[in-house]
C-alpha atoms as a PDB file:
ATOM      1  CA  MET A   1      -5.769  23.616   6.507  1.00  0.00           C
ATOM      2  CA  THR A   2      -3.609  21.062   4.727  1.00  0.00           C
ATOM      3  CA  GLN A   3      -5.485  19.350   1.934  1.00  0.00           C
ATOM      4  CA  GLN A   4      -5.698  15.632   2.530  1.00  0.00           C
ATOM      5  CA  GLU A   5      -5.062  13.317  -0.391  1.00  0.00           C
ATOM      6  CA  PRO A   6      -8.099  11.403  -1.589  1.00  0.00           C
ATOM      7  CA  ALA A   7      -8.129   7.635  -1.518  1.00  0.00           C
ATOM      8  CA  PRO A   8      -5.977   6.127  -4.298  1.00  0.00           C
ATOM      9  CA  TRP A   9      -8.837   3.977  -5.578  1.00  0.00           C
ATOM     10  CA  ASP A  10     -12.481   4.865  -5.766  1.00  0.00           C
ATOM     11  CA  PRO A  11     -15.091   3.282  -8.055  1.00  0.00           C
ATOM     12  CA  ALA A  12     -16.208   6.801  -9.005  1.00  0.00           C
ATOM     13  CA  LEU A  13     -12.882   7.607 -10.674  1.00  0.00           C
ATOM     14  CA  ALA A  14     -13.260   8.135 -14.395  1.00  0.00           C
ATOM     15  CA  PRO A  15     -11.189   6.316 -17.020  1.00  0.00           C
ATOM     16  CA  ALA A  16      -8.047   8.161 -18.063  1.00  0.00           C
ATOM     17  CA  ASP A  17      -9.155   7.743 -21.679  1.00  0.00           C
ATOM     18  CA  ALA A  18     -11.368   5.458 -23.725  1.00  0.00           C
ATOM     19  CA  ASP A  19      -9.847   2.229 -22.391  1.00  0.00           C
ATOM     20  CA  ARG A  20     -10.185   0.787 -18.865  1.00  0.00           C
ATOM     21  CA  ARG A  21      -7.322   2.684 -17.278  1.00  0.00           C
ATOM     22  CA  LEU A  22      -8.263   4.764 -14.238  1.00  0.00           C
ATOM     23  CA  HIS A  23      -6.569   7.895 -12.990  1.00  0.00           C
ATOM     24  CA  ALA A  24      -6.006   8.627  -9.276  1.00  0.00           C
ATOM     25  CA  PRO A  25      -4.885  12.262  -8.821  1.00  0.00           C
ATOM     26  CA  ALA A  26      -3.227  11.437  -5.471  1.00  0.00           C
ATOM     27  CA  ALA A  27      -0.813   9.075  -7.209  1.00  0.00           C
ATOM     28  CA  ALA A  28       0.683  11.879  -9.283  1.00  0.00           C
ATOM     29  CA  ARG A  29       1.094  14.045  -6.185  1.00  0.00           C
ATOM     30  CA  ASN A  30       2.712  11.542  -3.847  1.00  0.00           C
ATOM     31  CA  ARG A  31       4.532   9.082  -6.108  1.00  0.00           C
ATOM     32  CA  ASP A  32       7.887  10.860  -6.206  1.00  0.00           C
ATOM     33  CA  ALA A  33       7.996  11.427  -2.446  1.00  0.00           C
ATOM     34  CA  ILE A  34       7.221   7.747  -1.896  1.00  0.00           C
ATOM     35  CA  LEU A  35       9.755   6.710  -4.530  1.00  0.00           C
ATOM     36  CA  SER A  36      12.455   8.676  -2.739  1.00  0.00           C
ATOM     37  CA  VAL A  37      11.860   6.561   0.375  1.00  0.00           C
ATOM     38  CA  LEU A  38      11.585   3.312  -1.565  1.00  0.00           C
ATOM     39  CA  ARG A  39      15.030   3.847  -3.079  1.00  0.00           C
ATOM     40  CA  SER A  40      16.516   3.628   0.415  1.00  0.00           C
ATOM     41  CA  VAL A  41      14.395   0.861   1.964  1.00  0.00           C
ATOM     42  CA  LEU A  42      13.728  -1.644  -0.815  1.00  0.00           C
ATOM     43  CA  PRO A  43      16.201  -4.452  -1.557  1.00  0.00           C
ATOM     44  CA  PRO A  44      18.288  -4.107  -4.732  1.00  0.00           C
ATOM     45  CA  ALA A  45      16.471  -6.960  -6.484  1.00  0.00           C
ATOM     46  CA  GLY A  46      13.500  -9.274  -6.079  1.00  0.00           C
ATOM     47  CA  THR A  47       9.723  -8.994  -6.277  1.00  0.00           C
ATOM     48  CA  VAL A  48       7.778  -6.245  -4.528  1.00  0.00           C
ATOM     49  CA  LEU A  49       4.199  -7.294  -3.793  1.00  0.00           C
ATOM     50  CA  GLU A  50       1.906  -4.276  -3.701  1.00  0.00           C
ATOM     51  CA  ILE A  51      -1.331  -4.690  -1.757  1.00  0.00           C
ATOM     52  CA  ALA A  52      -4.323  -2.546  -2.822  1.00  0.00           C
ATOM     53  CA  SER A  53      -2.699  -1.191  -5.974  1.00  0.00           C
ATOM     54  CA  GLY A  54      -5.806   0.769  -7.003  1.00  0.00           C
ATOM     55  CA  SER A  55      -5.419   2.312 -10.437  1.00  0.00           C
ATOM     56  CA  GLY A  56      -1.943   0.792 -10.865  1.00  0.00           C
ATOM     57  CA  GLU A  57      -0.205   4.122 -11.450  1.00  0.00           C
ATOM     58  CA  HIS A  58       2.096   3.767  -8.445  1.00  0.00           C
ATOM     59  CA  ALA A  59       3.338   0.347  -9.528  1.00  0.00           C
ATOM     60  CA  ILE A  60       4.066   1.567 -13.057  1.00  0.00           C
ATOM     61  CA  HIS A  61       5.923   4.644 -11.816  1.00  0.00           C
ATOM     62  CA  PHE A  62       8.034   2.701  -9.335  1.00  0.00           C
ATOM     63  CA  ALA A  63       8.780  -0.063 -11.822  1.00  0.00           C
ATOM     64  CA  SER A  64      10.002   2.469 -14.381  1.00  0.00           C
ATOM     65  CA  ALA A  65      12.317   4.080 -11.826  1.00  0.00           C
ATOM     66  CA  LEU A  66      13.557   0.814 -10.272  1.00  0.00           C
ATOM     67  CA  PRO A  67      14.233  -1.528 -13.216  1.00  0.00           C
ATOM     68  CA  ASP A  68      16.169  -4.094 -11.162  1.00  0.00           C
ATOM     69  CA  LEU A  69      13.037  -4.859  -9.126  1.00  0.00           C
ATOM     70  CA  THR A  70       9.907  -6.677 -10.260  1.00  0.00           C
ATOM     71  CA  PHE A  71       6.509  -5.425  -9.102  1.00  0.00           C
ATOM     72  CA  ARG A  72       3.471  -7.618  -8.489  1.00  0.00           C
ATOM     73  CA  PRO A  73       0.356  -5.422  -8.135  1.00  0.00           C
ATOM     74  CA  SER A  74      -2.867  -6.674  -6.527  1.00  0.00           C
ATOM     75  CA  ASP A  75      -6.336  -5.450  -5.662  1.00  0.00           C
ATOM     76  CA  PRO A  76      -9.721  -6.985  -4.780  1.00  0.00           C
ATOM     77  CA  ALA A  77     -11.677  -4.811  -7.248  1.00  0.00           C
ATOM     78  CA  PRO A  78     -12.116  -6.055 -10.846  1.00  0.00           C
ATOM     79  CA  GLU A  79     -12.145  -2.459 -12.103  1.00  0.00           C
ATOM     80  CA  ALA A  80      -8.779  -1.841 -10.481  1.00  0.00           C
ATOM     81  CA  LEU A  81      -7.308  -5.030 -11.934  1.00  0.00           C
ATOM     82  CA  ALA A  82      -8.404  -3.959 -15.419  1.00  0.00           C
ATOM     83  CA  SER A  83      -6.859  -0.532 -14.873  1.00  0.00           C
ATOM     84  CA  ILE A  84      -3.570  -1.997 -13.660  1.00  0.00           C
ATOM     85  CA  ALA A  85      -3.383  -4.213 -16.732  1.00  0.00           C
ATOM     86  CA  GLY A  86      -4.176  -1.241 -18.951  1.00  0.00           C
ATOM     87  CA  TRP A  87      -1.479   0.976 -17.460  1.00  0.00           C
ATOM     88  CA  THR A  88       1.051  -1.872 -17.657  1.00  0.00           C
ATOM     89  CA  THR A  89       0.321  -2.391 -21.344  1.00  0.00           C
ATOM     90  CA  GLN A  90       0.354   1.326 -22.123  1.00  0.00           C
ATOM     91  CA  ALA A  91       3.713   1.773 -20.375  1.00  0.00           C
ATOM     92  CA  GLY A  92       5.248  -1.327 -21.933  1.00  0.00           C
ATOM     93  CA  ALA A  93       6.475  -2.251 -18.457  1.00  0.00           C
ATOM     94  CA  THR A  94       8.432  -5.498 -18.560  1.00  0.00           C
ATOM     95  CA  ASN A  95       9.090  -5.651 -14.799  1.00  0.00           C
ATOM     96  CA  VAL A  96       5.426  -5.500 -13.760  1.00  0.00           C
ATOM     97  CA  LEU A  97       3.793  -8.903 -13.337  1.00  0.00           C
ATOM     98  CA  PRO A  98       0.085  -9.496 -14.035  1.00  0.00           C
ATOM     99  CA  PRO A  99      -2.087  -8.171 -11.200  1.00  0.00           C
ATOM    100  CA  LEU A 100      -3.566 -10.564  -8.667  1.00  0.00           C
ATOM    101  CA  ARG A 101      -7.087 -10.410  -7.291  1.00  0.00           C
ATOM    102  CA  LEU A 102      -6.229 -10.266  -3.602  1.00  0.00           C
ATOM    103  CA  ASP A 103      -8.371  -9.314  -0.616  1.00  0.00           C
ATOM    104  CA  ALA A 104      -6.362  -8.659   2.548  1.00  0.00           C
ATOM    105  CA  THR A 105      -9.366  -9.552   4.723  1.00  0.00           C
ATOM    106  CA  ASP A 106      -9.174 -13.136   3.418  1.00  0.00           C
ATOM    107  CA  SER A 107      -7.044 -15.141   5.841  1.00  0.00           C
ATOM    108  CA  ALA A 108      -5.888 -17.349   2.957  1.00  0.00           C
ATOM    109  CA  TRP A 109      -4.615 -14.504   0.756  1.00  0.00           C
ATOM    110  CA  PRO A 110      -0.912 -15.487   0.932  1.00  0.00           C
ATOM    111  CA  GLY A 111      -1.948 -18.507  -1.141  1.00  0.00           C
ATOM    112  CA  THR A 112      -2.980 -16.134  -3.924  1.00  0.00           C
ATOM    113  CA  LEU A 113       0.645 -15.817  -4.984  1.00  0.00           C
ATOM    114  CA  PRO A 114       1.896 -18.282  -7.584  1.00  0.00           C
ATOM    115  CA  PRO A 115       3.746 -21.278  -6.116  1.00  0.00           C
ATOM    116  CA  GLY A 116       7.345 -20.474  -5.313  1.00  0.00           C
ATOM    117  CA  GLU A 117       6.910 -16.701  -5.513  1.00  0.00           C
ATOM    118  CA  THR A 118       8.227 -15.155  -2.290  1.00  0.00           C
ATOM    119  CA  PRO A 119       8.169 -11.359  -2.152  1.00  0.00           C
ATOM    120  CA  ALA A 120      11.338  -9.520  -1.181  1.00  0.00           C
ATOM    121  CA  ALA A 121       9.165  -6.662   0.119  1.00  0.00           C
ATOM    122  CA  ILE A 122       5.495  -5.792   0.559  1.00  0.00           C
ATOM    123  CA  LEU A 123       4.162  -2.301  -0.130  1.00  0.00           C
ATOM    124  CA  CYS A 124       0.748  -0.932   0.831  1.00  0.00           C
ATOM    125  CA  ILE A 125      -0.206   2.660   0.021  1.00  0.00           C
ATOM    126  CA  ASN A 126      -3.305   4.377   1.430  1.00  0.00           C
ATOM    127  CA  MET A 127      -5.275   1.239   2.236  1.00  0.00           C
ATOM    128  CA  ILE A 128      -5.649   0.692   5.938  1.00  0.00           C
ATOM    129  CA  HIS A 129      -7.721   3.812   6.631  1.00  0.00           C
ATOM    130  CA  ILE A 130     -10.203   3.076   3.816  1.00  0.00           C
ATOM    131  CA  ALA A 131     -10.798  -0.555   4.718  1.00  0.00           C
ATOM    132  CA  PRO A 132     -12.127  -2.411   7.766  1.00  0.00           C
ATOM    133  CA  TRP A 133      -9.670  -3.140  10.563  1.00  0.00           C
ATOM    134  CA  ALA A 134      -9.780  -6.767   9.415  1.00  0.00           C
ATOM    135  CA  ALA A 135      -7.837  -5.696   6.320  1.00  0.00           C
ATOM    136  CA  THR A 136      -5.005  -4.357   8.484  1.00  0.00           C
ATOM    137  CA  GLU A 137      -5.031  -7.553  10.528  1.00  0.00           C
ATOM    138  CA  GLY A 138      -4.946  -9.656   7.376  1.00  0.00           C
ATOM    139  CA  LEU A 139      -2.229  -7.562   5.761  1.00  0.00           C
ATOM    140  CA  LEU A 140       0.114  -7.827   8.743  1.00  0.00           C
ATOM    141  CA  ARG A 141      -0.602 -11.492   9.401  1.00  0.00           C
ATOM    142  CA  GLY A 142      -0.053 -12.397   5.747  1.00  0.00           C
ATOM    143  CA  ALA A 143       3.067 -10.264   5.427  1.00  0.00           C
ATOM    144  CA  GLY A 144       4.507 -11.917   8.520  1.00  0.00           C
ATOM    145  CA  ALA A 145       3.888 -15.334   6.991  1.00  0.00           C
ATOM    146  CA  LEU A 146       5.358 -14.475   3.588  1.00  0.00           C
ATOM    147  CA  LEU A 147       8.351 -12.209   4.106  1.00  0.00           C
ATOM    148  CA  PRO A 148      11.814 -13.580   4.822  1.00  0.00           C
ATOM    149  CA  THR A 149      13.963 -12.273   7.672  1.00  0.00           C
ATOM    150  CA  GLY A 150      14.994  -8.655   7.163  1.00  0.00           C
ATOM    151  CA  ALA A 151      12.495  -7.997   4.384  1.00  0.00           C
ATOM    152  CA  PRO A 152      10.483  -4.769   4.678  1.00  0.00           C
ATOM    153  CA  LEU A 153       6.754  -4.206   4.961  1.00  0.00           C
ATOM    154  CA  ILE A 154       6.156  -0.607   3.894  1.00  0.00           C
ATOM    155  CA  LEU A 155       2.963   1.278   4.739  1.00  0.00           C
ATOM    156  CA  TYR A 156       2.111   4.769   3.536  1.00  0.00           C
ATOM    157  CA  GLY A 157      -0.743   7.030   4.578  1.00  0.00           C
ATOM    158  CA  PRO A 158      -2.147   9.152   7.410  1.00  0.00           C
ATOM    159  CA  PHE A 159      -2.078   7.777  10.966  1.00  0.00           C
ATOM    160  CA  ARG A 160      -3.076   8.708  14.474  1.00  0.00           C
ATOM    161  CA  ARG A 161      -0.027   8.878  16.747  1.00  0.00           C
ATOM    162  CA  PRO A 162      -0.098   8.281  20.499  1.00  0.00           C
ATOM    163  CA  GLY A 163       0.110  11.484  22.513  1.00  0.00           C
ATOM    164  CA  ARG A 164      -0.298  13.747  19.490  1.00  0.00           C
ATOM    165  CA  PRO A 165      -3.479  15.473  18.331  1.00  0.00           C
ATOM    166  CA  LEU A 166      -4.513  14.917  14.746  1.00  0.00           C
ATOM    167  CA  GLU A 167      -3.559  17.646  12.337  1.00  0.00           C
ATOM    168  CA  PRO A 168      -6.657  19.659  11.263  1.00  0.00           C
ATOM    169  CA  GLY A 169      -6.589  18.254   7.737  1.00  0.00           C
ATOM    170  CA  ASN A 170      -6.285  14.688   8.968  1.00  0.00           C
ATOM    171  CA  ALA A 171      -9.016  15.232  11.568  1.00  0.00           C
ATOM    172  CA  ALA A 172     -11.407  16.415   8.856  1.00  0.00           C
ATOM    173  CA  PHE A 173     -10.385  13.519   6.606  1.00  0.00           C
ATOM    174  CA  ASP A 174     -10.918  11.020   9.429  1.00  0.00           C
ATOM    175  CA  ALA A 175     -14.388  12.410  10.130  1.00  0.00           C
ATOM    176  CA  SER A 176     -15.331  12.183   6.456  1.00  0.00           C
ATOM    177  CA  LEU A 177     -14.133   8.580   6.260  1.00  0.00           C
ATOM    178  CA  ARG A 178     -16.130   7.546   9.329  1.00  0.00           C
ATOM    179  CA  GLU A 179     -19.211   9.254   7.940  1.00  0.00           C
ATOM    180  CA  ARG A 180     -18.747   7.312   4.707  1.00  0.00           C
ATOM    181  CA  ASP A 181     -18.302   4.024   6.588  1.00  0.00           C
ATOM    182  CA  PRO A 182     -17.979   3.591  10.369  1.00  0.00           C
ATOM    183  CA  ALA A 183     -15.447   0.806   9.760  1.00  0.00           C
ATOM    184  CA  PHE A 184     -13.071   3.270   8.064  1.00  0.00           C
ATOM    185  CA  GLY A 185     -10.829   5.880   9.674  1.00  0.00           C
ATOM    186  CA  LEU A 186      -7.227   6.745  10.476  1.00  0.00           C
ATOM    187  CA  ARG A 187      -5.536   3.961  12.436  1.00  0.00           C
ATOM    188  CA  ASP A 188      -3.540   4.395  15.608  1.00  0.00           C
ATOM    189  CA  LEU A 189       0.125   3.791  14.824  1.00  0.00           C
ATOM    190  CA  GLY A 190       0.659   2.221  18.249  1.00  0.00           C
ATOM    191  CA  GLU A 191      -2.069  -0.350  17.568  1.00  0.00           C
ATOM    192  CA  VAL A 192      -0.670  -1.080  14.114  1.00  0.00           C
ATOM    193  CA  THR A 193       2.813  -1.501  15.580  1.00  0.00           C
ATOM    194  CA  ALA A 194       1.547  -3.904  18.246  1.00  0.00           C
ATOM    195  CA  LEU A 195      -0.231  -5.949  15.593  1.00  0.00           C
ATOM    196  CA  ALA A 196       2.930  -5.987  13.483  1.00  0.00           C
ATOM    197  CA  ALA A 197       4.998  -7.145  16.464  1.00  0.00           C
ATOM    198  CA  ALA A 198       2.622 -10.069  16.953  1.00  0.00           C
ATOM    199  CA  ALA A 199       3.183 -10.954  13.283  1.00  0.00           C
ATOM    200  CA  GLY A 200       6.968 -11.019  13.673  1.00  0.00           C
ATOM    201  CA  PHE A 201       8.052  -7.476  12.835  1.00  0.00           C
ATOM    202  CA  GLY A 202      10.367  -5.199  14.789  1.00  0.00           C
ATOM    203  CA  THR A 203      10.061  -1.557  15.784  1.00  0.00           C
ATOM    204  CA  PRO A 204       9.254   0.471  12.664  1.00  0.00           C
ATOM    205  CA  GLU A 205      11.138   3.302  11.069  1.00  0.00           C
ATOM    206  CA  VAL A 206       8.674   6.199  10.796  1.00  0.00           C
ATOM    207  CA  ILE A 207       9.336   8.736   8.052  1.00  0.00           C
ATOM    208  CA  GLU A 208       7.505  12.062   7.838  1.00  0.00           C
ATOM    209  CA  MET A 209       5.950  12.682   4.409  1.00  0.00           C
ATOM    210  CA  PRO A 210       4.186  15.617   2.726  1.00  0.00           C
ATOM    211  CA  ALA A 211       0.505  16.375   3.454  1.00  0.00           C
ATOM    212  CA  ASN A 212       0.699  14.962   7.007  1.00  0.00           C
ATOM    213  CA  ASN A 213       1.294  11.412   5.822  1.00  0.00           C
ATOM    214  CA  LEU A 214       3.843   8.884   7.062  1.00  0.00           C
ATOM    215  CA  THR A 215       5.842   6.069   5.556  1.00  0.00           C
ATOM    216  CA  VAL A 216       6.164   3.288   8.135  1.00  0.00           C
ATOM    217  CA  VAL A 217       8.776   0.609   7.457  1.00  0.00           C
ATOM    218  CA  PHE A 218       8.638  -2.650   9.418  1.00  0.00           C
ATOM    219  CA  GLY A 219      11.429  -5.232   9.167  1.00  0.00           C
ATOM    220  CA  LYS A 220      10.744  -8.955   9.521  1.00  0.00           C
ATOM    221  CA  GLN A 221      12.620 -10.324  12.525  1.00  0.00           C
ATOM    222  CA  ALA A 222      14.625 -13.541  12.572  1.00  0.00           C
ATOM    223  CA  GLY A 223      12.933 -16.608  13.948  1.00  0.00           C
ATOM    224  CA  ARG A 224       9.433 -15.141  13.711  1.00  0.00           C
END
């Protein structure tokens, strides 16, 4: 059975050391595979807004590897925000902006961004299966309102796919999530795609990733 990655952020995670930085083991395992995709789908410059940044380790890793981009992390959890700030300081990252307290279930979250800051891309790693469906709705609606034509919305994580049985590891992971909270669970990619289309995005590019995960890249359509 393929081992499923744990959620990138969990309040039970211990600090990486004596400060307020947190360590998510999944980030170390998947960051380079995700980075390989990001190199081909992100614009050459601009600000990448990351939703549900968790510990902040992904943002720091990507920022170090992609110095011409600026990363804006965000998360609703105060512990995560403190960790992101700690990792940013420890890394001396100059292209990582201060993290925003942002809850995707809040319909007004696009207003969380500073005035005049328009993201060139939005990235969300391992969130939609460990959050209520309202978070997916809010993420896609907000991304559709914020992103300019052609800009990517990039999702990473495990999904259900129409006409395909879940892999054994993902089936076990899905069951454990639903036991933890009935509002959690792997989302159907067809339903996510339909929701994205309603928010102004085109047909996604779906990229197979290690450990039965996917990277799903939506492009904002013109006139939407």
